[in-house]
PDB file of N, CA and C in Angstrom:
ATOM      1  N   MET A   1     -51.147 -70.257  18.058  1.00  0.00           N
ATOM      2  CA  MET A   1     -50.247 -70.661  17.029  1.00  0.00           C
ATOM      3  C   MET A   1     -51.019 -71.490  16.007  1.00  0.00           C
ATOM      4  N   GLY A   2     -50.790 -71.289  14.789  1.00  0.00           N
ATOM      5  CA  GLY A   2     -51.416 -72.109  13.758  1.00  0.00           C
ATOM      6  C   GLY A   2     -52.927 -72.044  13.748  1.00  0.00           C
ATOM      7  N   ARG A   3     -53.560 -73.180  13.522  1.00  0.00           N
ATOM      8  CA  ARG A   3     -55.012 -73.246  13.364  1.00  0.00           C
ATOM      9  C   ARG A   3     -55.778 -72.934  14.640  1.00  0.00           C
ATOM     10  N   THR A   4     -55.210 -73.173  15.793  1.00  0.00           N
ATOM     11  CA  THR A   4     -55.968 -73.030  17.033  1.00  0.00           C
ATOM     12  C   THR A   4     -55.573 -71.831  17.877  1.00  0.00           C
ATOM     13  N   GLY A   5     -54.465 -71.205  17.579  1.00  0.00           N
ATOM     14  CA  GLY A   5     -54.015 -70.078  18.384  1.00  0.00           C
ATOM     15  C   GLY A   5     -53.385 -70.487  19.703  1.00  0.00           C
ATOM     16  N   GLU A   6     -53.037 -71.760  19.834  1.00  0.00           N
ATOM     17  CA  GLU A   6     -52.414 -72.245  21.068  1.00  0.00           C
ATOM     18  C   GLU A   6     -51.011 -71.669  21.233  1.00  0.00           C
ATOM     19  N   GLU A   7     -50.550 -71.675  22.465  1.00  0.00           N
ATOM     20  CA  GLU A   7     -49.167 -71.309  22.748  1.00  0.00           C
ATOM     21  C   GLU A   7     -48.257 -72.429  22.237  1.00  0.00           C
ATOM     22  N   TRP A   8     -47.013 -72.100  21.989  1.00  0.00           N
ATOM     23  CA  TRP A   8     -46.029 -73.058  21.456  1.00  0.00           C
ATOM     24  C   TRP A   8     -45.967 -74.334  22.288  1.00  0.00           C
ATOM     25  N   VAL A   9     -45.974 -74.210  23.599  1.00  0.00           N
ATOM     26  CA  VAL A   9     -45.834 -75.366  24.485  1.00  0.00           C
ATOM     27  C   VAL A   9     -46.981 -76.357  24.288  1.00  0.00           C
ATOM     28  N   ALA A  10     -48.130 -75.910  23.817  1.00  0.00           N
ATOM     29  CA  ALA A  10     -49.297 -76.782  23.636  1.00  0.00           C
ATOM     30  C   ALA A  10     -49.299 -77.480  22.280  1.00  0.00           C
ATOM     31  N   THR A  11     -48.237 -77.310  21.494  1.00  0.00           N
ATOM     32  CA  THR A  11     -48.226 -77.896  20.155  1.00  0.00           C
ATOM     33  C   THR A  11     -47.397 -79.178  20.066  1.00  0.00           C
ATOM     34  N   ARG A  12     -47.091 -79.767  21.206  1.00  0.00           N
ATOM     35  CA  ARG A  12     -46.384 -81.052  21.195  1.00  0.00           C
ATOM     36  C   ARG A  12     -47.259 -82.111  20.538  1.00  0.00           C
ATOM     37  N   LYS A  13     -46.643 -83.043  19.859  1.00  0.00           N
ATOM     38  CA  LYS A  13     -47.373 -84.092  19.146  1.00  0.00           C
ATOM     39  C   LYS A  13     -48.303 -84.860  20.086  1.00  0.00           C
ATOM     40  N   GLY A  14     -47.841 -85.196  21.254  1.00  0.00           N
ATOM     41  CA  GLY A  14     -48.674 -85.939  22.203  1.00  0.00           C
ATOM     42  C   GLY A  14     -49.924 -85.176  22.600  1.00  0.00           C
ATOM     43  N   ARG A  15     -49.794 -83.888  22.799  1.00  0.00           N
ATOM     44  CA  ARG A  15     -50.952 -83.068  23.165  1.00  0.00           C
ATOM     45  C   ARG A  15     -51.935 -82.954  22.003  1.00  0.00           C
ATOM     46  N   ILE A  16     -51.407 -82.851  20.797  1.00  0.00           N
ATOM     47  CA  ILE A  16     -52.271 -82.769  19.621  1.00  0.00           C
ATOM     48  C   ILE A  16     -53.038 -84.073  19.462  1.00  0.00           C
ATOM     49  N   LYS A  17     -52.335 -85.200  19.587  1.00  0.00           N
ATOM     50  CA  LYS A  17     -52.999 -86.497  19.479  1.00  0.00           C
ATOM     51  C   LYS A  17     -54.092 -86.627  20.539  1.00  0.00           C
ATOM     52  N   HIS A  18     -53.803 -86.223  21.756  1.00  0.00           N
ATOM     53  CA  HIS A  18     -54.784 -86.300  22.839  1.00  0.00           C
ATOM     54  C   HIS A  18     -55.995 -85.413  22.537  1.00  0.00           C
ATOM     55  N   ALA A  19     -55.750 -84.182  22.086  1.00  0.00           N
ATOM     56  CA  ALA A  19     -56.844 -83.253  21.796  1.00  0.00           C
ATOM     57  C   ALA A  19     -57.751 -83.762  20.686  1.00  0.00           C
ATOM     58  N   LEU A  20     -57.184 -84.507  19.737  1.00  0.00           N
ATOM     59  CA  LEU A  20     -57.967 -85.044  18.635  1.00  0.00           C
ATOM     60  C   LEU A  20     -58.534 -86.427  18.941  1.00  0.00           C
ATOM     61  N   GLY A  21     -58.228 -86.970  20.120  1.00  0.00           N
ATOM     62  CA  GLY A  21     -58.726 -88.277  20.507  1.00  0.00           C
ATOM     63  C   GLY A  21     -58.062 -89.421  19.767  1.00  0.00           C
ATOM     64  N   ILE A  22     -56.841 -89.210  19.305  1.00  0.00           N
ATOM     65  CA  ILE A  22     -56.120 -90.242  18.557  1.00  0.00           C
ATOM     66  C   ILE A  22     -55.325 -91.095  19.541  1.00  0.00           C
ATOM     67  N   THR A  23     -55.660 -92.366  19.596  1.00  0.00           N
ATOM     68  CA  THR A  23     -54.994 -93.256  20.549  1.00  0.00           C
ATOM     69  C   THR A  23     -54.315 -94.442  19.874  1.00  0.00           C
ATOM     70  N   ASP A  24     -54.524 -94.617  18.566  1.00  0.00           N
ATOM     71  CA  ASP A  24     -54.010 -95.806  17.888  1.00  0.00           C
ATOM     72  C   ASP A  24     -52.786 -95.530  17.020  1.00  0.00           C
ATOM     73  N   LEU A  25     -52.063 -94.460  17.310  1.00  0.00           N
ATOM     74  CA  LEU A  25     -50.875 -94.126  16.523  1.00  0.00           C
ATOM     75  C   LEU A  25     -49.626 -94.196  17.398  1.00  0.00           C
ATOM     76  N   PRO A  26     -49.008 -95.358  17.499  1.00  0.00           N
ATOM     77  CA  PRO A  26     -47.800 -95.459  18.322  1.00  0.00           C
ATOM     78  C   PRO A  26     -46.603 -94.790  17.643  1.00  0.00           C
ATOM     79  N   HIS A  27     -45.698 -94.314  18.459  1.00  0.00           N
ATOM     80  CA  HIS A  27     -44.434 -93.766  17.951  1.00  0.00           C
ATOM     81  C   HIS A  27     -43.385 -94.844  18.161  1.00  0.00           C
ATOM     82  N   THR A  28     -42.958 -95.490  17.076  1.00  0.00           N
ATOM     83  CA  THR A  28     -42.124 -96.687  17.173  1.00  0.00           C
ATOM     84  C   THR A  28     -40.631 -96.440  16.986  1.00  0.00           C
ATOM     85  N   HIS A  29     -40.255 -95.259  16.564  1.00  0.00           N
ATOM     86  CA  HIS A  29     -38.866 -94.930  16.232  1.00  0.00           C
ATOM     87  C   HIS A  29     -38.365 -95.701  15.014  1.00  0.00           C
ATOM     88  N   HIS A  30     -39.294 -96.200  14.217  1.00  0.00           N
ATOM     89  CA  HIS A  30     -38.972 -96.811  12.928  1.00  0.00           C
ATOM     90  C   HIS A  30     -39.378 -95.772  11.882  1.00  0.00           C
ATOM     91  N   ALA A  31     -38.453 -95.357  11.058  1.00  0.00           N
ATOM     92  CA  ALA A  31     -38.676 -94.215  10.159  1.00  0.00           C
ATOM     93  C   ALA A  31     -39.953 -94.331   9.336  1.00  0.00           C
ATOM     94  N   GLY A  32     -40.184 -95.463   8.726  1.00  0.00           N
ATOM     95  CA  GLY A  32     -41.370 -95.629   7.886  1.00  0.00           C
ATOM     96  C   GLY A  32     -42.660 -95.559   8.685  1.00  0.00           C
ATOM     97  N   GLN A  33     -42.687 -96.206   9.848  1.00  0.00           N
ATOM     98  CA  GLN A  33     -43.880 -96.198  10.696  1.00  0.00           C
ATOM     99  C   GLN A  33     -44.123 -94.821  11.293  1.00  0.00           C
ATOM    100  N   ASP A  34     -43.047 -94.151  11.687  1.00  0.00           N
ATOM    101  CA  ASP A  34     -43.202 -92.810  12.252  1.00  0.00           C
ATOM    102  C   ASP A  34     -43.671 -91.823  11.193  1.00  0.00           C
ATOM    103  N   ALA A  35     -43.249 -92.004   9.953  1.00  0.00           N
ATOM    104  CA  ALA A  35     -43.731 -91.149   8.868  1.00  0.00           C
ATOM    105  C   ALA A  35     -45.226 -91.360   8.647  1.00  0.00           C
ATOM    106  N   GLN A  36     -45.683 -92.606   8.743  1.00  0.00           N
ATOM    107  CA  GLN A  36     -47.117 -92.891   8.624  1.00  0.00           C
ATOM    108  C   GLN A  36     -47.884 -92.252   9.775  1.00  0.00           C
ATOM    109  N   GLU A  37     -47.305 -92.323  10.974  1.00  0.00           N
ATOM    110  CA  GLU A  37     -47.929 -91.700  12.147  1.00  0.00           C
ATOM    111  C   GLU A  37     -48.112 -90.207  11.907  1.00  0.00           C
ATOM    112  N   LEU A  38     -47.057 -89.536  11.452  1.00  0.00           N
ATOM    113  CA  LEU A  38     -47.136 -88.090  11.238  1.00  0.00           C
ATOM    114  C   LEU A  38     -48.091 -87.738  10.112  1.00  0.00           C
ATOM    115  N   ALA A  39     -48.137 -88.565   9.064  1.00  0.00           N
ATOM    116  CA  ALA A  39     -49.071 -88.300   7.956  1.00  0.00           C
ATOM    117  C   ALA A  39     -50.508 -88.416   8.427  1.00  0.00           C
ATOM    118  N   ARG A  40     -50.815 -89.441   9.221  1.00  0.00           N
ATOM    119  CA  ARG A  40     -52.184 -89.591   9.739  1.00  0.00           C
ATOM    120  C   ARG A  40     -52.535 -88.480  10.704  1.00  0.00           C
ATOM    121  N   LEU A  41     -51.566 -88.060  11.513  1.00  0.00           N
ATOM    122  CA  LEU A  41     -51.805 -86.961  12.448  1.00  0.00           C
ATOM    123  C   LEU A  41     -52.050 -85.662  11.690  1.00  0.00           C
ATOM    124  N   PHE A  42     -51.243 -85.389  10.674  1.00  0.00           N
ATOM    125  CA  PHE A  42     -51.403 -84.178   9.867  1.00  0.00           C
ATOM    126  C   PHE A  42     -52.769 -84.175   9.194  1.00  0.00           C
ATOM    127  N   ASP A  43     -53.190 -85.321   8.659  1.00  0.00           N
ATOM    128  CA  ASP A  43     -54.500 -85.428   8.033  1.00  0.00           C
ATOM    129  C   ASP A  43     -55.605 -85.127   9.041  1.00  0.00           C
ATOM    130  N   ALA A  44     -55.490 -85.667  10.256  1.00  0.00           N
ATOM    131  CA  ALA A  44     -56.490 -85.426  11.294  1.00  0.00           C
ATOM    132  C   ALA A  44     -56.553 -83.955  11.678  1.00  0.00           C
ATOM    133  N   VAL A  45     -55.398 -83.303  11.746  1.00  0.00           N
ATOM    134  CA  VAL A  45     -55.361 -81.874  12.081  1.00  0.00           C
ATOM    135  C   VAL A  45     -56.069 -81.064  10.996  1.00  0.00           C
ATOM    136  N   LEU A  46     -55.811 -81.391   9.740  1.00  0.00           N
ATOM    137  CA  LEU A  46     -56.450 -80.653   8.650  1.00  0.00           C
ATOM    138  C   LEU A  46     -57.958 -80.873   8.612  1.00  0.00           C
ATOM    139  N   ARG A  47     -58.414 -82.040   9.022  1.00  0.00           N
ATOM    140  CA  ARG A  47     -59.846 -82.339   9.003  1.00  0.00           C
ATOM    141  C   ARG A  47     -60.581 -81.765  10.214  1.00  0.00           C
ATOM    142  N   ALA A  48     -59.876 -81.514  11.291  1.00  0.00           N
ATOM    143  CA  ALA A  48     -60.500 -81.004  12.518  1.00  0.00           C
ATOM    144  C   ALA A  48     -60.910 -79.544  12.327  1.00  0.00           C
ATOM    145  N   PRO A  49     -62.012 -79.152  12.949  1.00  0.00           N
ATOM    146  CA  PRO A  49     -62.407 -77.740  12.861  1.00  0.00           C
ATOM    147  C   PRO A  49     -61.373 -76.860  13.556  1.00  0.00           C
ATOM    148  N   ALA A  50     -61.109 -75.729  12.968  1.00  0.00           N
ATOM    149  CA  ALA A  50     -60.145 -74.781  13.556  1.00  0.00           C
ATOM    150  C   ALA A  50     -60.867 -73.979  14.623  1.00  0.00           C
ATOM    151  N   GLU A  51     -60.538 -74.229  15.868  1.00  0.00           N
ATOM    152  CA  GLU A  51     -61.135 -73.501  16.986  1.00  0.00           C
ATOM    153  C   GLU A  51     -60.111 -72.514  17.498  1.00  0.00           C
ATOM    154  N   ARG A  52     -60.214 -71.291  17.058  1.00  0.00           N
ATOM    155  CA  ARG A  52     -59.237 -70.279  17.447  1.00  0.00           C
ATOM    156  C   ARG A  52     -59.496 -69.840  18.873  1.00  0.00           C
ATOM    157  N   ARG A  53     -58.443 -69.793  19.629  1.00  0.00           N
ATOM    158  CA  ARG A  53     -58.524 -69.286  20.994  1.00  0.00           C
ATOM    159  C   ARG A  53     -57.897 -67.900  21.019  1.00  0.00           C
ATOM    160  N   PRO A  54     -58.490 -66.994  21.787  1.00  0.00           N
ATOM    161  CA  PRO A  54     -57.874 -65.654  21.853  1.00  0.00           C
ATOM    162  C   PRO A  54     -56.484 -65.722  22.439  1.00  0.00           C
ATOM    163  N   ARG A  55     -55.576 -65.007  21.822  1.00  0.00           N
ATOM    164  CA  ARG A  55     -54.199 -64.937  22.319  1.00  0.00           C
ATOM    165  C   ARG A  55     -53.989 -63.587  22.973  1.00  0.00           C
ATOM    166  N   ARG A  56     -52.945 -63.516  23.761  1.00  0.00           N
ATOM    167  CA  ARG A  56     -52.605 -62.220  24.355  1.00  0.00           C
ATOM    168  C   ARG A  56     -52.416 -61.212  23.251  1.00  0.00           C
ATOM    169  N   GLY A  57     -53.006 -60.054  23.421  1.00  0.00           N
ATOM    170  CA  GLY A  57     -52.862 -59.004  22.429  1.00  0.00           C
ATOM    171  C   GLY A  57     -53.905 -59.061  21.330  1.00  0.00           C
ATOM    172  N   ASP A  58     -54.774 -60.089  21.324  1.00  0.00           N
ATOM    173  CA  ASP A  58     -55.803 -60.194  20.294  1.00  0.00           C
ATOM    174  C   ASP A  58     -57.082 -59.478  20.679  1.00  0.00           C
ATOM    175  N   GLY A  59     -57.174 -59.023  21.902  1.00  0.00           N
ATOM    176  CA  GLY A  59     -58.406 -58.385  22.385  1.00  0.00           C
ATOM    177  C   GLY A  59     -58.555 -56.965  21.861  1.00  0.00           C
ATOM    178  N   PRO A  60     -59.649 -56.339  22.248  1.00  0.00           N
ATOM    179  CA  PRO A  60     -59.880 -54.947  21.809  1.00  0.00           C
ATOM    180  C   PRO A  60     -58.789 -54.017  22.326  1.00  0.00           C
ATOM    181  N   GLN A  61     -58.422 -53.099  21.512  1.00  0.00           N
ATOM    182  CA  GLN A  61     -57.393 -52.121  21.900  1.00  0.00           C
ATOM    183  C   GLN A  61     -58.034 -50.925  22.574  1.00  0.00           C
ATOM    184  N   ASP A  62     -57.421 -50.454  23.654  1.00  0.00           N
ATOM    185  CA  ASP A  62     -57.932 -49.262  24.362  1.00  0.00           C
ATOM    186  C   ASP A  62     -57.388 -48.029  23.714  1.00  0.00           C
TER     187      ASP A  62
END
C-alpha cells in the first residue's frame, strides 16, 4: 500500500512511527498537538526512502 507496498494492517500510525524510529511524538488527544504530530509524521514519511515490498500478485506471471 502506498510508498512501501505494505498491507493495510501495517499502516497504523504506531507502526509507521516505530518503523521510522520516531519516539518523541506523543499522541495527546489535544487537537493542535495531534495535528503537529501528524504533520511531523507525514514529513518523515515523505523524507524516508520508499522501500517497495513485493505484494501478492506482483510477481512474474506464468
